[in-house]
C-alpha atoms as a PDB file:
ATOM      1  CA  MET A   1      98.551  68.000 177.989  1.00  0.00           C
ATOM      2  CA  GLN A   2      94.762  67.990 177.539  1.00  0.00           C
ATOM      3  CA  ARG A   3      94.726  71.787 177.357  1.00  0.00           C
ATOM      4  CA  LEU A   4      97.588  71.871 174.837  1.00  0.00           C
ATOM      5  CA  LYS A   5      95.828  69.404 172.540  1.00  0.00           C
ATOM      6  CA  GLY A   6      92.690  71.518 172.708  1.00  0.00           C
ATOM      7  CA  LEU A   7      94.644  74.640 171.819  1.00  0.00           C
ATOM      8  CA  ARG A   8      96.239  72.886 168.844  1.00  0.00           C
ATOM      9  CA  ARG A   9      92.813  71.877 167.538  1.00  0.00           C
ATOM     10  CA  GLY A  10      91.589  75.450 167.964  1.00  0.00           C
ATOM     11  CA  LEU A  11      94.497  76.706 165.867  1.00  0.00           C
ATOM     12  CA  VAL A  12      94.147  74.106 163.105  1.00  0.00           C
ATOM     13  CA  LEU A  13      90.404  74.495 162.398  1.00  0.00           C
ATOM     14  CA  PRO A  14      90.425  78.219 161.428  1.00  0.00           C
ATOM     15  CA  ALA A  15      93.365  77.569 159.087  1.00  0.00           C
ATOM     16  CA  ALA A  16      91.348  74.845 157.311  1.00  0.00           C
ATOM     17  CA  VAL A  17      88.390  77.181 156.919  1.00  0.00           C
ATOM     18  CA  VAL A  18      90.580  79.934 155.485  1.00  0.00           C
ATOM     19  CA  LEU A  19      92.023  77.509 152.928  1.00  0.00           C
ATOM     20  CA  LEU A  20      88.522  76.741 151.589  1.00  0.00           C
ATOM     21  CA  VAL A  21      87.763  80.365 150.615  1.00  0.00           C
ATOM     22  CA  PRO A  22      90.200  80.720 147.683  1.00  0.00           C
ATOM     23  CA  ALA A  23      89.074  77.321 146.368  1.00  0.00           C
ATOM     24  CA  VAL A  24      85.419  78.424 146.170  1.00  0.00           C
ATOM     25  CA  SER A  25      86.438  81.767 144.644  1.00  0.00           C
ATOM     26  CA  SER A  26      88.546  80.082 141.968  1.00  0.00           C
ATOM     27  CA  ILE A  27      85.609  77.825 141.009  1.00  0.00           C
ATOM     28  CA  GLY A  28      83.340  80.868 140.587  1.00  0.00           C
ATOM     29  CA  THR A  29      85.966  82.658 138.501  1.00  0.00           C
ATOM     30  CA  SER A  30      86.365  79.597 136.301  1.00  0.00           C
ATOM     31  CA  MET A  31      82.599  79.356 135.735  1.00  0.00           C
ATOM     32  CA  ASN A  32      82.419  83.048 134.792  1.00  0.00           C
ATOM     33  CA  ALA A  33      85.294  82.616 132.352  1.00  0.00           C
ATOM     34  CA  GLN A  34      83.546  79.645 130.728  1.00  0.00           C
ATOM     35  CA  ALA A  35      80.330  81.652 130.345  1.00  0.00           C
ATOM     36  CA  ALA A  36      82.230  84.541 128.756  1.00  0.00           C
ATOM     37  CA  THR A  37      83.844  82.234 126.163  1.00  0.00           C
ATOM     38  CA  LYS A  38      80.814  80.019 125.492  1.00  0.00           C
ATOM     39  CA  ALA A  39      80.204  79.516 121.793  1.00  0.00           C
ATOM     40  CA  ILE A  40      77.222  81.181 120.099  1.00  0.00           C
ATOM     41  CA  SER A  41      74.925  78.309 119.118  1.00  0.00           C
ATOM     42  CA  PHE A  42      73.271  77.954 115.709  1.00  0.00           C
ATOM     43  CA  LYS A  43      69.885  78.868 117.224  1.00  0.00           C
ATOM     44  CA  GLN A  44      71.292  81.912 119.055  1.00  0.00           C
ATOM     45  CA  ALA A  45      73.124  83.068 115.929  1.00  0.00           C
ATOM     46  CA  LYS A  46      69.931  83.033 113.845  1.00  0.00           C
ATOM     47  CA  SER A  47      68.100  85.016 116.545  1.00  0.00           C
ATOM     48  CA  ILE A  48      70.943  87.574 116.724  1.00  0.00           C
ATOM     49  CA  LEU A  49      70.974  87.985 112.930  1.00  0.00           C
ATOM     50  CA  LYS A  50      67.208  88.583 112.887  1.00  0.00           C
ATOM     51  CA  ARG A  51      67.558  91.276 115.550  1.00  0.00           C
ATOM     52  CA  GLY A  52      70.387  92.777 113.528  1.00  0.00           C
ATOM     53  CA  GLY A  53      68.085  93.223 110.520  1.00  0.00           C
ATOM     54  CA  TYR A  54      69.316  90.262 108.444  1.00  0.00           C
ATOM     55  CA  GLY A  55      66.130  88.195 108.777  1.00  0.00           C
ATOM     56  CA  TYR A  56      65.317  88.138 105.056  1.00  0.00           C
ATOM     57  CA  GLU A  57      68.787  86.742 104.281  1.00  0.00           C
ATOM     58  CA  LEU A  58      68.296  83.733 106.591  1.00  0.00           C
ATOM     59  CA  GLN A  59      66.873  81.394 103.956  1.00  0.00           C
ATOM     60  CA  LEU A  60      68.315  77.849 103.989  1.00  0.00           C
ATOM     61  CA  PRO A  61      70.798  78.597 106.789  1.00  0.00           C
ATOM     62  CA  HIS A  62      73.692  76.210 107.403  1.00  0.00           C
ATOM     63  CA  LEU A  63      76.104  76.118 110.350  1.00  0.00           C
ATOM     64  CA  LYS A  64      79.596  76.214 108.838  1.00  0.00           C
ATOM     65  CA  SER A  65      81.576  76.353 112.085  1.00  0.00           C
ATOM     66  CA  GLU A  66      81.111  76.993 115.795  1.00  0.00           C
ATOM     67  CA  SER A  67      83.773  77.696 118.413  1.00  0.00           C
ATOM     68  CA  ALA A  68      84.339  79.818 121.493  1.00  0.00           C
ATOM     69  CA  LYS A  69      85.920  82.474 119.246  1.00  0.00           C
ATOM     70  CA  ARG A  70      83.346  82.698 116.438  1.00  0.00           C
ATOM     71  CA  THR A  71      80.293  81.159 114.815  1.00  0.00           C
ATOM     72  CA  VAL A  72      79.949  81.134 111.022  1.00  0.00           C
ATOM     73  CA  ILE A  73      76.661  80.642 109.148  1.00  0.00           C
ATOM     74  CA  THR A  74      76.049  80.449 105.400  1.00  0.00           C
ATOM     75  CA  THR A  75      72.657  81.113 103.770  1.00  0.00           C
ATOM     76  CA  LEU A  76      71.086  80.845 100.305  1.00  0.00           C
ATOM     77  CA  PRO A  77      68.593  83.738 100.206  1.00  0.00           C
ATOM     78  CA  GLY A  78      68.000  83.673  96.441  1.00  0.00           C
ATOM     79  CA  ALA A  79      68.198  81.448  93.387  1.00  0.00           C
ATOM     80  CA  ARG A  80      71.955  81.993  93.075  1.00  0.00           C
ATOM     81  CA  SER A  81      72.750  84.128  96.120  1.00  0.00           C
ATOM     82  CA  LYS A  82      74.998  83.042  98.947  1.00  0.00           C
ATOM     83  CA  ASP A  83      75.765  84.927 102.180  1.00  0.00           C
ATOM     84  CA  THR A  84      78.244  84.210 104.947  1.00  0.00           C
ATOM     85  CA  PHE A  85      77.791  85.654 108.454  1.00  0.00           C
ATOM     86  CA  THR A  86      80.550  85.597 111.073  1.00  0.00           C
ATOM     87  CA  LEU A  87      79.524  86.313 114.669  1.00  0.00           C
ATOM     88  CA  VAL A  88      82.104  87.156 117.355  1.00  0.00           C
ATOM     89  CA  ARG A  89      81.193  87.732 120.990  1.00  0.00           C
ATOM     90  CA  HIS A  90      82.541  90.837 122.754  1.00  0.00           C
ATOM     91  CA  GLY A  91      81.194  90.843 126.309  1.00  0.00           C
ATOM     92  CA  LYS A  92      77.453  91.490 126.165  1.00  0.00           C
ATOM     93  CA  TYR A  93      77.652  92.402 122.458  1.00  0.00           C
ATOM     94  CA  VAL A  94      78.117  90.393 119.269  1.00  0.00           C
ATOM     95  CA  LYS A  95      79.938  91.778 116.233  1.00  0.00           C
ATOM     96  CA  ILE A  96      78.462  90.609 112.923  1.00  0.00           C
ATOM     97  CA  SER A  97      80.479  90.515 109.690  1.00  0.00           C
ATOM     98  CA  ALA A  98      78.398  89.824 106.575  1.00  0.00           C
ATOM     99  CA  LEU A  99      79.692  88.709 103.183  1.00  0.00           C
ATOM    100  CA  PHE A 100      77.088  88.900 100.389  1.00  0.00           C
ATOM    101  CA  GLY A 101      77.618  87.265  97.010  1.00  0.00           C
ATOM    102  CA  THR A 102      76.353  85.276  94.022  1.00  0.00           C
ATOM    103  CA  LEU A 103      77.107  81.849  92.613  1.00  0.00           C
ATOM    104  CA  ASP A 104      76.485  82.933  89.015  1.00  0.00           C
ATOM    105  CA  GLY A 105      79.054  81.439  86.651  1.00  0.00           C
ATOM    106  CA  GLY A 106      79.639  78.448  88.897  1.00  0.00           C
ATOM    107  CA  HIS A 107      81.804  80.274  91.420  1.00  0.00           C
ATOM    108  CA  PHE A 108      81.313  82.740  94.281  1.00  0.00           C
ATOM    109  CA  THR A 109      81.503  86.441  93.464  1.00  0.00           C
ATOM    110  CA  LYS A 110      81.246  89.094  96.153  1.00  0.00           C
ATOM    111  CA  TYR A 111      78.541  91.735  95.758  1.00  0.00           C
ATOM    112  CA  ASN A 112      76.009  93.604  97.858  1.00  0.00           C
ATOM    113  CA  ASN A 113      72.724  94.868  96.465  1.00  0.00           C
ATOM    114  CA  THR A 114      70.824  94.117  99.670  1.00  0.00           C
ATOM    115  CA  GLY A 115      71.270  97.577 101.182  1.00  0.00           C
ATOM    116  CA  LEU A 116      72.322  95.871 104.420  1.00  0.00           C
ATOM    117  CA  PRO A 117      75.490  96.759 106.357  1.00  0.00           C
ATOM    118  CA  THR A 118      78.489  94.428 106.087  1.00  0.00           C
ATOM    119  CA  HIS A 119      79.336  95.087 109.759  1.00  0.00           C
ATOM    120  CA  LYS A 120      77.026  95.553 112.707  1.00  0.00           C
ATOM    121  CA  THR A 121      77.146  95.223 116.513  1.00  0.00           C
ATOM    122  CA  VAL A 122      74.094  94.038 118.466  1.00  0.00           C
ATOM    123  CA  LEU A 123      73.346  92.870 121.991  1.00  0.00           C
ATOM    124  CA  ALA A 124      74.071  89.176 122.501  1.00  0.00           C
ATOM    125  CA  LYS A 125      70.895  88.791 124.531  1.00  0.00           C
ATOM    126  CA  ALA A 126      67.577  90.272 123.449  1.00  0.00           C
ATOM    127  CA  PRO A 127      66.494  93.231 125.631  1.00  0.00           C
ATOM    128  CA  ALA A 128      63.716  92.481 128.126  1.00  0.00           C
ATOM    129  CA  TRP A 129      60.116  93.440 127.319  1.00  0.00           C
ATOM    130  CA  HIS A 130      58.351  95.803 129.736  1.00  0.00           C
ATOM    131  CA  THR A 131      54.609  96.425 130.082  1.00  0.00           C
ATOM    132  CA  GLY A 132      53.292  99.845 129.060  1.00  0.00           C
ATOM    133  CA  THR A 133      55.071 102.677 127.238  1.00  0.00           C
ATOM    134  CA  PRO A 134      58.526 104.165 127.931  1.00  0.00           C
ATOM    135  CA  LYS A 135      58.173 107.102 130.320  1.00  0.00           C
ATOM    136  CA  VAL A 136      60.394 109.294 128.142  1.00  0.00           C
ATOM    137  CA  LEU A 137      57.935 108.921 125.222  1.00  0.00           C
ATOM    138  CA  ARG A 138      54.780 109.834 127.174  1.00  0.00           C
ATOM    139  CA  HIS A 139      54.074 113.037 125.278  1.00  0.00           C
ATOM    140  CA  LYS A 140      52.302 114.201 122.122  1.00  0.00           C
ATOM    141  CA  TRP A 141      54.454 114.009 118.976  1.00  0.00           C
ATOM    142  CA  VAL A 142      53.294 115.649 115.741  1.00  0.00           C
ATOM    143  CA  ASN A 143      54.287 116.729 112.240  1.00  0.00           C
ATOM    144  CA  LYS A 144      52.155 118.373 109.518  1.00  0.00           C
ATOM    145  CA  MET A 145      50.327 115.160 108.668  1.00  0.00           C
ATOM    146  CA  TYR A 146      50.136 112.822 111.648  1.00  0.00           C
ATOM    147  CA  GLY A 147      50.367 112.671 115.399  1.00  0.00           C
ATOM    148  CA  TRP A 148      51.144 110.161 118.144  1.00  0.00           C
ATOM    149  CA  HIS A 149      50.071 110.522 121.760  1.00  0.00           C
ATOM    150  CA  PHE A 150      51.735 108.218 124.265  1.00  0.00           C
ATOM    151  CA  TYR A 151      49.802 107.424 127.434  1.00  0.00           C
ATOM    152  CA  ARG A 152      50.963 105.132 130.224  1.00  0.00           C
ATOM    153  CA  ASN A 153      49.380 101.971 128.790  1.00  0.00           C
ATOM    154  CA  HIS A 154      48.277 102.882 125.269  1.00  0.00           C
ATOM    155  CA  VAL A 155      49.146 105.005 122.237  1.00  0.00           C
ATOM    156  CA  VAL A 156      46.786 107.047 120.065  1.00  0.00           C
ATOM    157  CA  VAL A 157      47.583 107.804 116.415  1.00  0.00           C
ATOM    158  CA  TRP A 158      45.607 110.264 114.292  1.00  0.00           C
ATOM    159  CA  ASP A 159      45.560 112.063 110.944  1.00  0.00           C
ATOM    160  CA  ARG A 160      45.997 115.781 111.651  1.00  0.00           C
ATOM    161  CA  THR A 161      44.605 116.792 108.240  1.00  0.00           C
ATOM    162  CA  VAL A 162      41.188 115.355 109.163  1.00  0.00           C
ATOM    163  CA  GLY A 163      41.042 115.686 112.926  1.00  0.00           C
ATOM    164  CA  TRP A 164      41.521 113.858 116.189  1.00  0.00           C
ATOM    165  CA  VAL A 165      37.943 112.688 116.769  1.00  0.00           C
ATOM    166  CA  ALA A 166      37.432 111.455 113.205  1.00  0.00           C
ATOM    167  CA  THR A 167      40.625 109.428 112.860  1.00  0.00           C
ATOM    168  CA  SER A 168      42.108 108.676 116.287  1.00  0.00           C
ATOM    169  CA  HIS A 169      42.688 104.976 116.948  1.00  0.00           C
ATOM    170  CA  PRO A 170      44.191 103.538 120.137  1.00  0.00           C
ATOM    171  CA  TRP A 171      46.949 100.972 120.259  1.00  0.00           C
ATOM    172  CA  ILE A 172      46.486  98.843 123.374  1.00  0.00           C
ATOM    173  CA  ASN A 173      48.332  96.024 125.177  1.00  0.00           C
ATOM    174  CA  VAL A 174      51.522  98.005 124.689  1.00  0.00           C
ATOM    175  CA  LYS A 175      54.903  96.612 125.710  1.00  0.00           C
ATOM    176  CA  TYR A 176      58.383  97.907 124.921  1.00  0.00           C
ATOM    177  CA  GLN A 177      62.076  97.109 124.732  1.00  0.00           C
ATOM    178  CA  LYS A 178      64.946  99.518 125.237  1.00  0.00           C
ATOM    179  CA  LEU A 179      67.293  98.896 122.303  1.00  0.00           C
ATOM    180  CA  GLY A 180      69.922 101.453 123.247  1.00  0.00           C
ATOM    181  CA  LYS A 181      70.361 105.063 124.246  1.00  0.00           C
ATOM    182  CA  ASN A 182      67.224 106.962 123.130  1.00  0.00           C
ATOM    183  CA  LYS A 183      66.024 104.002 121.043  1.00  0.00           C
ATOM    184  CA  TYR A 184      62.926 101.929 121.841  1.00  0.00           C
ATOM    185  CA  LYS A 185      60.786  99.246 120.235  1.00  0.00           C
ATOM    186  CA  THR A 186      57.051  98.927 121.000  1.00  0.00           C
ATOM    187  CA  HIS A 187      54.582  96.166 120.265  1.00  0.00           C
ATOM    188  CA  ALA A 188      50.850  96.904 120.427  1.00  0.00           C
ATOM    189  CA  TYR A 189      47.430  95.805 119.197  1.00  0.00           C
ATOM    190  CA  CYS A 190      44.952  98.042 117.335  1.00  0.00           C
ATOM    191  CA  PRO A 191      41.317  96.814 117.738  1.00  0.00           C
ATOM    192  CA  HIS A 192      40.140  99.101 114.913  1.00  0.00           C
ATOM    193  CA  ASP A 193      42.464  97.408 112.382  1.00  0.00           C
ATOM    194  CA  ASP A 194      42.596  94.059 114.176  1.00  0.00           C
ATOM    195  CA  ARG A 195      46.357  94.163 113.686  1.00  0.00           C
ATOM    196  CA  HIS A 196      49.512  94.013 115.778  1.00  0.00           C
ATOM    197  CA  TYR A 197      52.128  96.718 115.258  1.00  0.00           C
ATOM    198  CA  THR A 198      55.839  96.563 116.076  1.00  0.00           C
ATOM    199  CA  THR A 199      57.467  99.997 115.831  1.00  0.00           C
ATOM    200  CA  THR A 200      60.947 101.383 116.501  1.00  0.00           C
ATOM    201  CA  TRP A 201      61.285 104.929 117.901  1.00  0.00           C
ATOM    202  CA  LYS A 202      64.490 106.971 117.900  1.00  0.00           C
ATOM    203  CA  LEU A 203      64.578 110.007 120.187  1.00  0.00           C
ATOM    204  CA  SER A 204      66.751 113.031 119.486  1.00  0.00           C
ATOM    205  CA  SER A 205      69.498 113.762 122.008  1.00  0.00           C
ATOM    206  CA  ASN A 206      67.469 116.626 123.539  1.00  0.00           C
ATOM    207  CA  HIS A 207      64.246 114.550 123.555  1.00  0.00           C
ATOM    208  CA  ARG A 208      62.390 117.170 121.493  1.00  0.00           C
ATOM    209  CA  SER A 209      61.742 114.978 118.424  1.00  0.00           C
ATOM    210  CA  ILE A 210      61.433 111.341 117.413  1.00  0.00           C
ATOM    211  CA  LYS A 211      61.992 109.454 114.186  1.00  0.00           C
ATOM    212  CA  VAL A 212      59.688 106.606 113.191  1.00  0.00           C
ATOM    213  CA  ASN A 213      58.959 104.934 109.844  1.00  0.00           C
ATOM    214  CA  GLY A 214      61.186 107.434 108.042  1.00  0.00           C
ATOM    215  CA  GLY A 215      59.342 110.475 109.415  1.00  0.00           C
ATOM    216  CA  THR A 216      60.250 113.007 112.082  1.00  0.00           C
ATOM    217  CA  TYR A 217      57.750 114.102 114.742  1.00  0.00           C
ATOM    218  CA  TYR A 218      58.152 116.957 117.227  1.00  0.00           C
ATOM    219  CA  ARG A 219      57.109 117.085 120.853  1.00  0.00           C
ATOM    220  CA  SER A 220      54.172 119.436 121.409  1.00  0.00           C
ATOM    221  CA  ASN A 221      53.640 119.030 125.166  1.00  0.00           C
END
């Protein structure tokens, strides 16, 4: 009898342990589901809109509604202007729908003279900053007028019509974000100008040219 009781205990304990595993798994799944459907807060929405290029429109923002499905913000960027932004989460991205208009005449009229897109998709979370320059940009990029030379921890810009020695100025304390495929943002300090510069660089698909500030520069090394 003693041996039989011992055997019964030995059979019961593993079964109890096995039953605990699905319970823990279901809790983790539930937590992940909650995170995926968590509402975009007013603070997060304003940050996302700034990164989407709508920063100037964020004057006198007001939270109209907030739910797990969407967050809606209204703004008053001008004397009679009114904008409405709807933000919907899609995984790690947020889809922005913008409605621009005016309150002239005592009622809302849709219009868009801002030059901004009415629809845009951005990352829900801001990309991480990294120290130094992106490895893929560490070359010399030139056009007829200007040049950029990316080193590991600094960038040199110069006026090609005058000469490297006469006009070259280093940007130091460089850090960067990867915004997407072949697209980077850098932040740096120029001691010569005593200014900080934030610049967005868009590489061509073959990595032979970059676009910055409306100009195109070609790789020379």
